[in-house]
Amino acid sequence: MLITEIGNLVLFDNKNATMWQSFNHPTDTLVLGQSLLEGMRLTASTSATNTTENQLYITVGPDGLYAYAESTRPQLYYYSSWVPNDKKGNGSMNVTFMNGSLSIFVHPNKYFLQISLQVAESTTQCLRLDPDGHMRLYEWSNVVLVHDIMALDDCDYPTICGEYGICTEGEGACPVENNSGSSYFKPVDDRKLNLGCTPMIPISCEEIQHHRLFTLADISYFDNNCTVVNAINEDDCKQACLKNCSCRAVMFSYYDQLGHGLCIWMTKIFSFRSLQQAELDATTFSNNSFAYLKVQVSPSNSNKKKVMLGAALGAIATLVLLVILVALYLQRKRKYEYKDDETDFGQLPGMPTRFSLEQLGECTEGFGKKLGEGGFGSVFEGKLGEERVAVKRLEGARQGKK
């Protein structure tokens, strides 16, 4: 076993042949002199204090460096091609971190290229893929940042604002639907919005009939490599996502005024980037795009309005029925009270004869001949048979029955 001057731990067999070396198993860091061969990768740690691998990694491809966010289909967030077309496919690539450069070798034709970095004068340097997806050059002794290799906008990194987060100048927020202003997402942590968002109702493949798409405009997404070939219009793009439970979102970008465009499929959603006003002003119809996020609508929520309407109608019907019953009760009560008051006292011996209002109207010829006025009404002349009578008509309801 031997540790070399550049820090490579090498194990030898009894014939002094190399059995294993640490440089063939890189983690998140390259030290001076260390190489990445084609197919090798650096994988970022979860955090500065947690060395567990997270979902961001950078790897050497046939023609350059590729940085991905891990998902069912890795999502590309950075790509740098250093090899001219006439050199591609002619051999394997080797990227070596040297003092002052990243040196790219293509074998067997010995093509060579250097990307300049700041030279370490008094301390040793290292290249590290950080938990946020940046690849940074550090001075080893005091871990001072020297250079950011990728130099992307902060909001173009996949995890800057967490899953489902909308990044605006480095600050995160949860998606809110453009048309209704409603949201189906909540922050993972209300005090740390950059940790991302989570659906209020988890998506269930067993209830695919309750899936719907949530519309977002004026945003972009870092990866546009997974296209749905047969979905060339917006409706086809949305239906393709709704019919497949593994789809979590699609983005549709128009490329002509006939409604045709490019449908991008996502099985896992990282951070979106909110477009700034200058970008929106430069946007034309031909590059206008919309994101459609899949959300789960609970059956109880989907019928919520119907349930509320039914409950309201039931309450109104109950109130109306109660009013009708009370009215019938009062009417019936008055009717019985009236009957009690209007008992036919004429059948009792010694009681005076009772006349109806119609009879009194006939005998007075419609109360036509007024004789005078009393304390509570007027007196009219009338005739019952051959007998002349005086009839008093009450002017108010303070005496007697109407």
Protein backbone atom coordinates (compact mmCIF):
# COMPACT_ATOMS: atom_id res chain seq x y z
CA MET A 1 0.00 0.00 0.00
CA LEU A 2 1.29 3.44 -0.91
CA ILE A 3 0.07 7.01 -0.77
CA THR A 4 1.60 8.95 -3.67
CA GLU A 5 2.79 12.55 -3.54
CA ILE A 6 -0.47 13.76 -5.12
CA GLY A 7 -2.60 11.82 -2.60
CA ASN A 8 -3.53 8.68 -4.50
CA LEU A 9 -3.85 5.64 -2.24
CA VAL A 10 -2.60 2.57 -4.15
CA LEU A 11 -2.82 -1.11 -3.16
CA PHE A 12 -0.39 -3.60 -4.71
CA ASP A 13 -0.43 -7.37 -5.01
CA ASN A 14 2.51 -9.63 -4.22
CA LYS A 15 3.91 -9.01 -7.71
CA ASN A 16 3.81 -5.24 -7.10
CA ALA A 17 0.99 -4.76 -9.61
CA THR A 18 -1.70 -2.20 -8.79
CA MET A 19 -4.85 -3.88 -7.44
CA TRP A 20 -6.82 -0.80 -6.39
CA GLN A 21 -6.32 2.97 -6.26
CA SER A 22 -8.45 5.70 -4.73
CA PHE A 23 -8.24 7.93 -7.82
CA ASN A 24 -10.36 5.38 -9.69
CA HIS A 25 -13.16 5.93 -7.17
CA PRO A 26 -13.62 9.71 -6.92
CA THR A 27 -16.21 11.19 -4.55
CA ASP A 28 -17.00 14.90 -4.89
CA THR A 29 -13.46 16.28 -5.21
CA LEU A 30 -10.50 16.27 -7.58
CA VAL A 31 -7.04 17.05 -6.26
CA LEU A 32 -4.14 18.25 -8.37
CA GLY A 33 -3.00 15.51 -10.72
CA GLN A 34 -6.18 13.48 -10.44
CA SER A 35 -8.00 12.45 -13.63
CA LEU A 36 -11.58 11.64 -14.52
CA LEU A 37 -11.87 9.01 -17.21
CA GLU A 38 -14.83 8.76 -19.57
CA GLY A 39 -17.77 7.34 -17.60
CA MET A 40 -16.43 8.35 -14.17
CA ARG A 41 -18.34 10.84 -12.11
CA LEU A 42 -18.08 13.23 -9.20
CA THR A 43 -21.16 13.11 -6.96
CA ALA A 44 -21.99 16.00 -4.67
CA SER A 45 -22.43 15.48 -0.93
CA THR A 46 -25.75 16.17 0.76
CA SER A 47 -24.24 19.09 2.70
CA ALA A 48 -20.94 20.40 3.95
CA THR A 49 -21.34 18.29 7.12
CA ASN A 50 -23.12 15.29 5.57
CA THR A 51 -21.02 13.31 3.10
CA THR A 52 -23.94 11.15 1.95
CA GLU A 53 -24.22 11.36 -1.84
CA ASN A 54 -27.01 13.58 -3.11
CA GLN A 55 -28.69 13.60 -6.52
CA LEU A 56 -26.28 15.91 -8.41
CA TYR A 57 -23.27 14.61 -10.30
CA ILE A 58 -20.86 15.54 -13.09
CA THR A 59 -19.40 13.02 -15.51
CA VAL A 60 -17.06 12.84 -18.50
CA GLY A 61 -18.76 12.05 -21.79
CA PRO A 62 -17.39 11.37 -25.27
CA ASP A 63 -17.05 15.07 -26.02
CA GLY A 64 -17.06 17.01 -22.76
CA LEU A 65 -18.40 17.42 -19.25
CA TYR A 66 -22.03 16.77 -18.40
CA ALA A 67 -23.72 17.67 -15.10
CA TYR A 68 -26.97 15.96 -14.16
CA ALA A 69 -29.69 15.85 -11.53
CA GLU A 70 -30.50 12.22 -10.83
CA SER A 71 -34.01 10.97 -11.65
CA THR A 72 -35.60 8.10 -13.58
CA ARG A 73 -34.01 9.75 -16.62
CA PRO A 74 -31.08 11.95 -15.54
CA GLN A 75 -31.81 15.64 -16.15
CA LEU A 76 -28.99 17.68 -17.74
CA TYR A 77 -28.25 21.08 -16.20
CA TYR A 78 -24.75 21.77 -17.56
CA TYR A 79 -22.92 20.71 -20.72
CA SER A 80 -19.59 21.85 -22.06
CA SER A 81 -18.21 20.34 -25.25
CA TRP A 82 -14.51 20.84 -25.75
CA VAL A 83 -13.87 18.40 -28.58
CA PRO A 84 -14.32 19.43 -32.23
CA ASN A 85 -16.65 17.30 -34.35
CA ASP A 86 -13.80 15.70 -36.31
CA LYS A 87 -12.32 14.36 -33.07
CA LYS A 88 -15.52 12.91 -31.59
CA GLY A 89 -15.88 9.16 -31.45
CA ASN A 90 -12.19 8.52 -32.15
CA GLY A 91 -11.19 7.51 -28.66
CA SER A 92 -11.76 7.79 -24.92
CA MET A 93 -11.61 11.09 -23.06
CA ASN A 94 -9.51 11.88 -20.04
CA VAL A 95 -9.89 15.08 -18.01
CA THR A 96 -7.02 15.86 -15.63
CA PHE A 97 -6.96 18.62 -13.02
CA MET A 98 -3.59 20.34 -13.20
CA ASN A 99 -2.17 23.45 -11.60
CA GLY A 100 -3.69 26.27 -13.63
CA SER A 101 -5.89 24.20 -15.95
CA LEU A 102 -8.27 21.40 -16.70
CA SER A 103 -6.46 19.40 -19.34
CA ILE A 104 -8.47 17.32 -21.79
CA PHE A 105 -6.90 14.41 -23.60
CA VAL A 106 -8.58 12.30 -26.29
CA HIS A 107 -6.89 8.97 -27.00
CA PRO A 108 -5.51 7.49 -29.20
CA ASN A 109 -5.11 10.55 -31.45
CA LYS A 110 -3.61 12.60 -28.59
CA TYR A 111 -5.95 15.57 -29.07
CA PHE A 112 -5.21 18.00 -26.26
CA LEU A 113 -6.99 21.06 -24.88
CA GLN A 114 -6.60 23.15 -21.75
CA ILE A 115 -9.15 25.24 -19.86
CA SER A 116 -7.33 27.92 -17.90
CA LEU A 117 -7.75 28.14 -14.14
CA GLN A 118 -6.02 30.30 -11.58
CA VAL A 119 -2.55 28.99 -10.74
CA ALA A 120 -1.92 27.96 -7.15
CA GLU A 121 1.20 29.81 -6.02
CA SER A 122 1.60 29.01 -2.36
CA THR A 123 -1.09 26.45 -1.51
CA THR A 124 -2.63 23.33 -3.01
CA GLN A 125 -5.95 23.56 -4.84
CA CYS A 126 -8.92 21.25 -5.23
CA LEU A 127 -11.97 21.11 -7.51
CA ARG A 128 -15.17 20.19 -5.71
CA LEU A 129 -18.75 19.56 -6.84
CA ASP A 130 -20.66 21.28 -4.05
CA PRO A 131 -24.07 20.26 -2.67
CA ASP A 132 -25.77 23.11 -4.58
CA GLY A 133 -24.46 21.77 -7.94
CA HIS A 134 -21.71 24.35 -8.46
CA MET A 135 -18.23 23.07 -9.37
CA ARG A 136 -15.80 25.35 -7.58
CA LEU A 137 -12.05 25.73 -7.41
CA TYR A 138 -10.75 26.16 -3.83
CA GLU A 139 -7.45 26.92 -2.20
CA TRP A 140 -6.92 23.85 -0.05
CA SER A 141 -5.26 25.37 3.04
CA ASN A 142 -8.02 27.75 4.07
CA VAL A 143 -10.82 26.57 1.73
CA VAL A 144 -11.17 29.91 -0.06
CA LEU A 145 -13.28 30.00 -3.21
CA VAL A 146 -11.18 30.91 -6.22
CA HIS A 147 -13.34 30.19 -9.25
CA ASP A 148 -16.81 28.84 -10.22
CA ILE A 149 -16.29 26.55 -13.21
CA MET A 150 -19.86 26.39 -14.57
CA ALA A 151 -20.73 30.09 -14.10
CA LEU A 152 -24.50 29.56 -14.49
CA ASP A 153 -27.18 31.86 -13.15
CA ASP A 154 -28.09 30.82 -9.60
CA CYS A 155 -31.65 29.92 -10.64
CA ASP A 156 -30.35 27.56 -13.37
CA TYR A 157 -29.12 25.04 -10.80
CA PRO A 158 -31.60 22.19 -10.17
CA THR A 159 -31.82 22.31 -6.38
CA ILE A 160 -31.48 26.06 -5.78
CA CYS A 161 -35.08 26.34 -4.55
CA GLY A 162 -35.86 22.67 -3.93
CA GLU A 163 -38.39 20.43 -5.62
CA TYR A 164 -41.32 22.31 -7.18
CA GLY A 165 -39.76 25.62 -6.07
CA ILE A 166 -40.01 28.73 -8.27
CA CYS A 167 -36.67 30.56 -8.17
CA THR A 168 -36.63 34.35 -8.55
CA GLU A 169 -33.21 35.95 -8.12
CA GLY A 170 -32.18 33.13 -5.80
CA GLU A 171 -35.33 33.27 -3.65
CA GLY A 172 -37.86 30.43 -3.61
CA ALA A 173 -41.66 30.29 -3.63
CA CYS A 174 -44.29 27.61 -4.18
CA PRO A 175 -46.24 27.39 -7.46
CA VAL A 176 -49.51 29.34 -7.70
CA GLU A 177 -51.81 28.67 -10.63
CA ASN A 178 -52.00 31.57 -13.10
CA ASN A 179 -55.71 31.34 -13.90
CA SER A 180 -57.21 30.87 -10.45
CA GLY A 181 -54.51 31.99 -8.03
CA SER A 182 -55.00 28.71 -6.17
CA SER A 183 -52.17 26.48 -5.02
CA TYR A 184 -51.87 22.74 -4.53
CA PHE A 185 -48.43 23.02 -2.92
CA LYS A 186 -47.04 23.99 0.47
CA PRO A 187 -43.48 24.78 1.63
CA VAL A 188 -41.41 21.97 3.08
CA ASP A 189 -40.41 24.47 5.78
CA ASP A 190 -42.26 27.79 6.15
CA ARG A 191 -39.10 29.42 7.52
CA LYS A 192 -36.81 28.06 4.77
CA LEU A 193 -38.60 28.53 1.47
CA ASN A 194 -35.55 27.48 -0.58
CA LEU A 195 -35.97 23.91 0.67
CA GLY A 196 -38.75 23.55 -1.86
CA CYS A 197 -42.41 22.61 -1.87
CA THR A 198 -44.49 19.47 -1.65
CA PRO A 199 -47.96 18.63 -3.03
CA MET A 200 -50.72 19.04 -0.45
CA ILE A 201 -52.15 15.73 -1.67
CA PRO A 202 -49.59 13.09 -2.77
CA ILE A 203 -50.08 11.84 -6.31
CA SER A 204 -51.61 8.35 -6.35
CA CYS A 205 -51.51 6.08 -9.39
CA GLU A 206 -54.53 4.25 -7.99
CA GLU A 207 -56.62 7.41 -8.40
CA ILE A 208 -55.41 8.53 -11.82
CA GLN A 209 -58.95 9.67 -12.66
CA HIS A 210 -58.49 12.45 -10.08
CA HIS A 211 -55.29 13.85 -11.65
CA ARG A 212 -55.34 17.29 -13.22
CA LEU A 213 -52.77 19.70 -14.63
CA PHE A 214 -51.83 22.95 -12.91
CA THR A 215 -50.82 25.77 -15.30
CA LEU A 216 -47.73 27.93 -14.84
CA ALA A 217 -46.57 30.66 -17.22
CA ASP A 218 -43.47 32.85 -17.45
CA ILE A 219 -41.08 30.19 -16.16
CA SER A 220 -38.32 28.01 -17.61
CA TYR A 221 -36.79 24.68 -16.69
CA PHE A 222 -33.12 23.72 -16.91
CA ASP A 223 -33.59 20.43 -18.79
CA ASN A 224 -35.32 20.13 -22.17
CA ASN A 225 -33.91 16.85 -23.44
CA CYS A 226 -36.79 14.43 -22.83
CA THR A 227 -39.33 15.16 -25.56
CA VAL A 228 -42.63 13.45 -26.32
CA VAL A 229 -42.26 12.67 -30.01
CA ASN A 230 -45.92 12.39 -31.04
CA ALA A 231 -47.20 15.35 -28.97
CA ILE A 232 -46.85 18.32 -31.33
CA ASN A 233 -49.70 20.42 -29.91
CA GLU A 234 -50.62 21.54 -26.43
CA ASP A 235 -53.58 19.20 -25.91
CA ASP A 236 -51.62 16.13 -27.00
CA CYS A 237 -48.80 17.14 -24.65
CA LYS A 238 -51.14 17.45 -21.66
CA GLN A 239 -53.01 14.24 -22.43
CA ALA A 240 -49.75 12.31 -22.73
CA CYS A 241 -48.90 13.35 -19.17
CA LEU A 242 -52.36 12.66 -17.73
CA LYS A 243 -52.40 9.15 -19.20
CA ASN A 244 -49.06 8.15 -17.68
CA CYS A 245 -48.74 8.18 -13.91
CA SER A 246 -44.94 8.42 -13.99
CA CYS A 247 -45.24 11.87 -15.59
CA ARG A 248 -45.12 14.65 -13.01
CA ALA A 249 -45.15 17.62 -15.38
CA VAL A 250 -44.78 18.70 -18.99
CA MET A 251 -43.60 21.91 -20.59
CA PHE A 252 -44.90 22.96 -23.98
CA SER A 253 -42.94 25.48 -26.08
CA TYR A 254 -44.56 26.86 -29.23
CA TYR A 255 -42.43 27.08 -32.36
CA ASP A 256 -45.03 28.38 -34.82
CA GLN A 257 -48.36 30.23 -34.92
CA LEU A 258 -50.26 27.08 -35.91
CA GLY A 259 -50.13 25.78 -32.34
CA HIS A 260 -47.29 23.34 -32.95
CA GLY A 261 -44.49 23.04 -30.46
CA LEU A 262 -42.14 20.94 -28.38
CA CYS A 263 -43.42 18.83 -25.48
CA ILE A 264 -40.93 18.22 -22.64
CA TRP A 265 -41.63 15.36 -20.24
CA MET A 266 -40.58 15.30 -16.54
CA THR A 267 -40.70 12.34 -14.17
CA LYS A 268 -39.21 14.33 -11.29
CA ILE A 269 -39.44 18.06 -10.73
CA PHE A 270 -36.59 20.16 -9.42
CA SER A 271 -36.48 23.99 -9.35
CA PHE A 272 -38.10 26.20 -11.96
CA ARG A 273 -36.73 29.61 -12.89
CA SER A 274 -39.04 32.60 -13.02
CA LEU A 275 -38.47 34.63 -16.17
CA GLN A 276 -37.48 38.24 -15.59
CA GLN A 277 -39.21 41.14 -17.30
CA ALA A 278 -36.38 41.63 -19.80
CA GLU A 279 -36.70 37.99 -20.83
CA LEU A 280 -40.47 38.30 -21.13
CA ASP A 281 -40.14 41.41 -23.28
CA ALA A 282 -37.83 39.49 -25.61
CA THR A 283 -40.19 36.51 -25.77
CA THR A 284 -42.13 36.01 -29.00
CA PHE A 285 -44.95 33.64 -29.74
CA SER A 286 -42.52 31.24 -31.35
CA ASN A 287 -40.63 30.66 -28.07
CA ASN A 288 -43.47 31.12 -25.58
CA SER A 289 -43.78 28.20 -23.17
CA PHE A 290 -46.04 26.94 -20.39
CA ALA A 291 -45.53 24.36 -17.65
CA TYR A 292 -48.28 21.96 -16.61
CA LEU A 293 -47.74 20.37 -13.19
CA LYS A 294 -49.69 17.25 -12.30
CA VAL A 295 -51.66 17.48 -9.06
CA GLN A 296 -53.91 15.08 -7.20
CA VAL A 297 -57.46 16.29 -6.61
CA SER A 298 -59.12 14.42 -3.75
CA PRO A 299 -62.59 13.02 -4.57
CA SER A 300 -63.91 14.89 -1.54
CA ASN A 301 -62.31 18.10 -2.81
CA SER A 302 -63.58 17.62 -6.33
CA ASN A 303 -67.13 17.31 -4.95
CA LYS A 304 -66.66 19.99 -2.34
CA LYS A 305 -68.76 22.58 -4.13
CA LYS A 306 -71.53 20.07 -4.72
CA VAL A 307 -71.52 19.05 -1.07
CA MET A 308 -71.57 22.66 0.09
CA LEU A 309 -74.38 23.48 -2.33
CA GLY A 310 -76.37 20.43 -1.18
CA ALA A 311 -75.88 21.39 2.46
CA ALA A 312 -76.98 24.97 1.78
CA LEU A 313 -80.07 23.85 -0.14
CA GLY A 314 -80.92 21.39 2.63
CA ALA A 315 -80.64 24.11 5.27
CA ILE A 316 -82.80 26.49 3.21
CA ALA A 317 -85.43 23.79 2.60
CA THR A 318 -85.51 22.98 6.32
CA LEU A 319 -85.94 26.65 7.20
CA VAL A 320 -88.76 27.12 4.66
CA LEU A 321 -90.54 24.00 5.94
CA LEU A 322 -90.23 25.28 9.50
CA VAL A 323 -91.70 28.65 8.52
CA ILE A 324 -94.62 26.93 6.76
CA LEU A 325 -95.31 24.70 9.76
CA VAL A 326 -95.26 27.69 12.13
CA ALA A 327 -97.57 29.64 9.82
CA LEU A 328 -100.02 26.71 9.61
CA TYR A 329 -99.93 26.30 13.35
CA LEU A 330 -100.69 29.98 13.98
CA GLN A 331 -103.42 29.98 11.37
CA ARG A 332 -105.01 26.89 12.86
CA LYS A 333 -104.74 28.36 16.35
CA ARG A 334 -106.47 31.59 15.24
CA LYS A 335 -109.16 29.59 13.50
CA TYR A 336 -110.01 27.66 16.65
CA GLU A 337 -109.93 30.83 18.75
CA TYR A 338 -112.31 32.48 16.27
CA LYS A 339 -114.64 29.52 16.39
CA ASP A 340 -114.62 29.64 20.18
CA ASP A 341 -115.50 33.34 20.07
CA GLU A 342 -118.11 32.86 17.39
CA THR A 343 -120.08 30.14 19.16
CA ASP A 344 -123.75 30.35 18.13
CA PHE A 345 -125.04 32.04 21.26
CA GLY A 346 -128.37 32.51 19.42
CA GLN A 347 -129.21 28.97 20.32
CA LEU A 348 -129.14 29.92 23.99
CA PRO A 349 -132.40 31.19 25.59
CA GLY A 350 -132.54 34.95 26.16
CA MET A 351 -129.71 35.86 23.75
CA PRO A 352 -130.34 38.56 21.06
CA THR A 353 -130.62 37.69 17.40
CA ARG A 354 -127.30 37.79 15.47
CA PHE A 355 -127.07 39.18 11.94
CA SER A 356 -124.28 38.79 9.41
CA LEU A 357 -122.54 41.75 7.74
CA GLU A 358 -124.23 40.84 4.45
CA GLN A 359 -127.66 40.92 6.08
CA LEU A 360 -126.95 44.30 7.66
CA GLY A 361 -125.70 45.65 4.32
CA GLU A 362 -128.96 44.59 2.63
CA CYS A 363 -131.24 46.04 5.28
CA THR A 364 -129.45 49.43 5.22
CA GLU A 365 -129.18 49.42 1.42
CA GLY A 366 -125.41 49.38 1.65
CA PHE A 367 -125.20 51.68 4.67
CA GLY A 368 -126.54 54.45 2.47
CA LYS A 369 -128.63 56.57 4.91
CA LYS A 370 -126.60 57.90 7.81
CA LEU A 371 -128.52 59.00 10.85
CA GLY A 372 -125.61 60.18 13.01
CA GLU A 373 -122.40 59.20 14.76
CA GLY A 374 -121.78 57.57 18.11
CA GLY A 375 -118.72 57.05 20.28
CA PHE A 376 -117.26 54.24 18.18
CA GLY A 377 -118.94 54.53 14.80
CA SER A 378 -121.78 55.76 12.59
CA VAL A 379 -125.50 54.90 12.83
CA PHE A 380 -127.47 54.04 9.68
CA GLU A 381 -131.21 53.64 8.98
CA GLY A 382 -132.34 50.19 7.96
CA LYS A 383 -135.40 48.00 7.56
CA LEU A 384 -135.94 44.43 8.69
CA GLY A 385 -139.11 43.22 7.09
CA GLU A 386 -141.71 45.87 7.97
CA GLU A 387 -139.80 47.12 10.98
CA ARG A 388 -137.52 50.16 10.80
CA VAL A 389 -134.21 49.72 12.67
CA ALA A 390 -131.02 51.65 13.43
CA VAL A 391 -127.71 49.92 12.64
CA LYS A 392 -124.44 51.04 14.17
CA ARG A 393 -121.25 50.26 12.20
CA LEU A 394 -118.01 50.30 14.14
CA GLU A 395 -115.28 52.54 12.71
CA GLY A 396 -112.40 50.71 14.48
CA ALA A 397 -111.43 47.32 15.80
CA ARG A 398 -111.35 48.39 19.44
CA GLN A 399 -114.85 47.17 20.20
CA GLY A 400 -116.40 43.89 19.26
CA LYS A 401 -115.50 41.58 16.34
CA LYS A 402 -114.97 42.80 12.83
